[in-house]
Amino acid sequence: MPATRDPRAERRASERHGRRAEATAAWFLRLKGYRIVAMRHRTPVGEVDLIVRRGRVIAFVEVKARATLAEAVEAVTPAGRRRIARAAGAWLAANPAAADRDLRFDVVAIVPWRLPAHLPGVFDAEGGA
């Protein structure tokens, strides 16, 4: 008799995997000298996985855990980039002191058996590549 799928169990496992990937990315960025401003920042228009700061730069970071680096980068879709950009705008509206900083949209790819790959400036504030 084949095992039946439990969508809730799969969703929970996916959520745990995502949280581990975000924690790994945060650890890696701290080692690179970034300060974590927020993790899993939710707004009415979307969520940003990590908001980090180093010097004058504030980076809004999307974390993707995939089998390969190419798959991780491809997983940041145009719709996802727009959602992250809108969420970043909402965060900036709530944190006006950050408006004078240099803003950037990064991706951290978590690939098995490799160090995380930090890709700075992957897209812009309009969500374009």
C-alpha atoms as a PDB file:
ATOM      1  CA  MET A   1       0.000   0.000   0.000  1.00  0.00           C
ATOM      2  CA  PRO A   2       1.569   3.344  -1.017  1.00  0.00           C
ATOM      3  CA  ALA A   3       2.145   5.952   1.631  1.00  0.00           C
ATOM      4  CA  THR A   4      -0.260   8.863   1.507  1.00  0.00           C
ATOM      5  CA  ARG A   5       1.043  12.406   1.330  1.00  0.00           C
ATOM      6  CA  ASP A   6       0.392  14.675   4.250  1.00  0.00           C
ATOM      7  CA  PRO A   7       0.485  18.220   2.862  1.00  0.00           C
ATOM      8  CA  ARG A   8       0.648  19.712   6.358  1.00  0.00           C
ATOM      9  CA  ALA A   9       3.693  17.606   7.251  1.00  0.00           C
ATOM     10  CA  GLU A  10       5.370  18.565   3.980  1.00  0.00           C
ATOM     11  CA  ARG A  11       4.632  22.247   4.651  1.00  0.00           C
ATOM     12  CA  ARG A  12       6.074  22.006   8.178  1.00  0.00           C
ATOM     13  CA  ALA A  13       9.213  20.304   6.858  1.00  0.00           C
ATOM     14  CA  SER A  14       9.586  22.990   4.195  1.00  0.00           C
ATOM     15  CA  GLU A  15       9.137  25.711   6.824  1.00  0.00           C
ATOM     16  CA  ARG A  16      11.834  24.146   9.047  1.00  0.00           C
ATOM     17  CA  HIS A  17      14.200  23.853   6.077  1.00  0.00           C
ATOM     18  CA  GLY A  18      13.612  27.520   5.210  1.00  0.00           C
ATOM     19  CA  ARG A  19      14.220  28.659   8.782  1.00  0.00           C
ATOM     20  CA  ARG A  20      17.486  26.704   8.897  1.00  0.00           C
ATOM     21  CA  ALA A  21      18.575  28.246   5.599  1.00  0.00           C
ATOM     22  CA  GLU A  22      17.783  31.753   6.899  1.00  0.00           C
ATOM     23  CA  ALA A  23      19.690  31.092  10.132  1.00  0.00           C
ATOM     24  CA  THR A  24      22.676  29.832   8.107  1.00  0.00           C
ATOM     25  CA  ALA A  25      22.535  32.909   5.869  1.00  0.00           C
ATOM     26  CA  ALA A  26      22.361  35.223   8.903  1.00  0.00           C
ATOM     27  CA  TRP A  27      25.367  33.482  10.467  1.00  0.00           C
ATOM     28  CA  PHE A  28      27.318  33.762   7.203  1.00  0.00           C
ATOM     29  CA  LEU A  29      26.508  37.453   6.758  1.00  0.00           C
ATOM     30  CA  ARG A  30      27.522  38.180  10.360  1.00  0.00           C
ATOM     31  CA  LEU A  31      30.895  36.570   9.617  1.00  0.00           C
ATOM     32  CA  LYS A  32      31.192  38.949   6.647  1.00  0.00           C
ATOM     33  CA  GLY A  33      30.675  41.934   8.959  1.00  0.00           C
ATOM     34  CA  TYR A  34      26.956  42.581   8.507  1.00  0.00           C
ATOM     35  CA  ARG A  35      24.668  43.420  11.406  1.00  0.00           C
ATOM     36  CA  ILE A  36      21.258  41.748  11.348  1.00  0.00           C
ATOM     37  CA  VAL A  37      18.573  44.437  11.518  1.00  0.00           C
ATOM     38  CA  ALA A  38      15.592  42.095  11.084  1.00  0.00           C
ATOM     39  CA  MET A  39      14.831  38.472  10.285  1.00  0.00           C
ATOM     40  CA  ARG A  40      11.632  37.373   8.540  1.00  0.00           C
ATOM     41  CA  HIS A  41      10.308  40.917   8.495  1.00  0.00           C
ATOM     42  CA  ARG A  42       6.634  40.777   7.551  1.00  0.00           C
ATOM     43  CA  THR A  43       4.677  43.686   6.130  1.00  0.00           C
ATOM     44  CA  PRO A  44       1.171  43.874   4.661  1.00  0.00           C
ATOM     45  CA  VAL A  45       2.735  43.743   1.172  1.00  0.00           C
ATOM     46  CA  GLY A  46       5.237  40.924   1.685  1.00  0.00           C
ATOM     47  CA  GLU A  47       8.127  39.533   3.679  1.00  0.00           C
ATOM     48  CA  VAL A  48      11.869  40.107   3.608  1.00  0.00           C
ATOM     49  CA  ASP A  49      13.954  37.159   4.819  1.00  0.00           C
ATOM     50  CA  LEU A  50      16.809  39.283   6.210  1.00  0.00           C
ATOM     51  CA  ILE A  51      17.512  42.976   6.519  1.00  0.00           C
ATOM     52  CA  VAL A  52      21.193  43.593   7.191  1.00  0.00           C
ATOM     53  CA  ARG A  53      23.468  46.589   7.558  1.00  0.00           C
ATOM     54  CA  ARG A  54      27.168  47.141   7.035  1.00  0.00           C
ATOM     55  CA  GLY A  55      28.520  50.668   6.969  1.00  0.00           C
ATOM     56  CA  ARG A  56      26.231  52.842   4.849  1.00  0.00           C
ATOM     57  CA  VAL A  57      24.607  49.859   3.109  1.00  0.00           C
ATOM     58  CA  ILE A  58      21.276  48.370   4.067  1.00  0.00           C
ATOM     59  CA  ALA A  59      20.616  45.147   2.179  1.00  0.00           C
ATOM     60  CA  PHE A  60      17.292  43.399   1.832  1.00  0.00           C
ATOM     61  CA  VAL A  61      18.201  39.738   1.462  1.00  0.00           C
ATOM     62  CA  GLU A  62      16.234  36.878  -0.057  1.00  0.00           C
ATOM     63  CA  VAL A  63      17.469  33.456   1.058  1.00  0.00           C
ATOM     64  CA  LYS A  64      17.015  30.462  -1.239  1.00  0.00           C
ATOM     65  CA  ALA A  65      17.985  26.871  -0.437  1.00  0.00           C
ATOM     66  CA  ARG A  66      18.231  24.768  -3.568  1.00  0.00           C
ATOM     67  CA  ALA A  67      20.277  21.894  -4.979  1.00  0.00           C
ATOM     68  CA  THR A  68      22.423  24.190  -7.151  1.00  0.00           C
ATOM     69  CA  LEU A  69      23.416  27.846  -7.230  1.00  0.00           C
ATOM     70  CA  ALA A  70      21.660  28.317 -10.581  1.00  0.00           C
ATOM     71  CA  GLU A  71      18.408  26.883  -9.187  1.00  0.00           C
ATOM     72  CA  ALA A  72      18.625  29.200  -6.173  1.00  0.00           C
ATOM     73  CA  VAL A  73      19.072  32.307  -8.313  1.00  0.00           C
ATOM     74  CA  GLU A  74      16.292  31.230 -10.699  1.00  0.00           C
ATOM     75  CA  ALA A  75      13.966  30.739  -7.723  1.00  0.00           C
ATOM     76  CA  VAL A  76      13.973  34.505  -7.126  1.00  0.00           C
ATOM     77  CA  THR A  77      11.232  35.182  -9.664  1.00  0.00           C
ATOM     78  CA  PRO A  78      10.236  38.608 -11.021  1.00  0.00           C
ATOM     79  CA  ALA A  79       7.066  38.481  -8.902  1.00  0.00           C
ATOM     80  CA  GLY A  80       9.153  37.606  -5.844  1.00  0.00           C
ATOM     81  CA  ARG A  81      11.552  40.471  -6.543  1.00  0.00           C
ATOM     82  CA  ARG A  82       8.632  42.922  -6.789  1.00  0.00           C
ATOM     83  CA  ARG A  83       7.171  41.575  -3.521  1.00  0.00           C
ATOM     84  CA  ILE A  84      10.516  41.997  -1.734  1.00  0.00           C
ATOM     85  CA  ALA A  85      10.922  45.515  -3.162  1.00  0.00           C
ATOM     86  CA  ARG A  86       7.421  46.475  -1.925  1.00  0.00           C
ATOM     87  CA  ALA A  87       8.164  45.020   1.518  1.00  0.00           C
ATOM     88  CA  ALA A  88      11.457  46.945   1.592  1.00  0.00           C
ATOM     89  CA  GLY A  89       9.543  50.125   0.775  1.00  0.00           C
ATOM     90  CA  ALA A  90       7.169  49.451   3.661  1.00  0.00           C
ATOM     91  CA  TRP A  91      10.121  48.877   6.006  1.00  0.00           C
ATOM     92  CA  LEU A  92      11.753  52.112   4.852  1.00  0.00           C
ATOM     93  CA  ALA A  93       8.512  54.024   5.420  1.00  0.00           C
ATOM     94  CA  ALA A  94       8.486  52.740   9.005  1.00  0.00           C
ATOM     95  CA  ASN A  95      12.230  53.479   9.451  1.00  0.00           C
ATOM     96  CA  PRO A  96      12.792  56.940   7.937  1.00  0.00           C
ATOM     97  CA  ALA A  97      16.260  57.243   9.518  1.00  0.00           C
ATOM     98  CA  ALA A  98      17.432  54.592   7.047  1.00  0.00           C
ATOM     99  CA  ALA A  99      16.399  56.645   4.006  1.00  0.00           C
ATOM    100  CA  ASP A 100      19.864  58.221   3.667  1.00  0.00           C
ATOM    101  CA  ARG A 101      21.585  54.818   3.463  1.00  0.00           C
ATOM    102  CA  ASP A 102      22.639  53.013   0.301  1.00  0.00           C
ATOM    103  CA  LEU A 103      20.024  50.340  -0.418  1.00  0.00           C
ATOM    104  CA  ARG A 104      20.678  47.016  -2.065  1.00  0.00           C
ATOM    105  CA  PHE A 105      18.774  43.814  -2.840  1.00  0.00           C
ATOM    106  CA  ASP A 106      20.851  40.666  -2.331  1.00  0.00           C
ATOM    107  CA  VAL A 107      20.376  36.918  -2.566  1.00  0.00           C
ATOM    108  CA  VAL A 108      22.039  34.311  -0.365  1.00  0.00           C
ATOM    109  CA  ALA A 109      21.989  30.868  -1.931  1.00  0.00           C
ATOM    110  CA  ILE A 110      22.229  27.879   0.380  1.00  0.00           C
ATOM    111  CA  VAL A 111      23.487  24.847  -1.546  1.00  0.00           C
ATOM    112  CA  PRO A 112      24.242  21.476   0.085  1.00  0.00           C
ATOM    113  CA  TRP A 113      27.870  20.856   1.063  1.00  0.00           C
ATOM    114  CA  ARG A 114      29.021  24.340   0.040  1.00  0.00           C
ATOM    115  CA  LEU A 115      29.511  27.633   1.799  1.00  0.00           C
ATOM    116  CA  PRO A 116      26.588  29.992   1.300  1.00  0.00           C
ATOM    117  CA  ALA A 117      26.877  32.189  -1.791  1.00  0.00           C
ATOM    118  CA  HIS A 118      26.204  35.885  -1.146  1.00  0.00           C
ATOM    119  CA  LEU A 119      25.165  37.639  -4.355  1.00  0.00           C
ATOM    120  CA  PRO A 120      24.981  41.412  -3.755  1.00  0.00           C
ATOM    121  CA  GLY A 121      22.777  43.686  -5.852  1.00  0.00           C
ATOM    122  CA  VAL A 122      20.934  40.963  -7.757  1.00  0.00           C
ATOM    123  CA  PHE A 123      17.928  43.208  -8.427  1.00  0.00           C
ATOM    124  CA  ASP A 124      16.829  46.822  -7.987  1.00  0.00           C
ATOM    125  CA  ALA A 125      14.143  48.639  -6.012  1.00  0.00           C
ATOM    126  CA  GLU A 126      11.615  48.147  -8.823  1.00  0.00           C
ATOM    127  CA  GLY A 127      12.216  44.393  -8.777  1.00  0.00           C
ATOM    128  CA  GLY A 128      14.107  44.346 -12.083  1.00  0.00           C
ATOM    129  CA  ALA A 129      17.189  42.230 -12.553  1.00  0.00           C
END
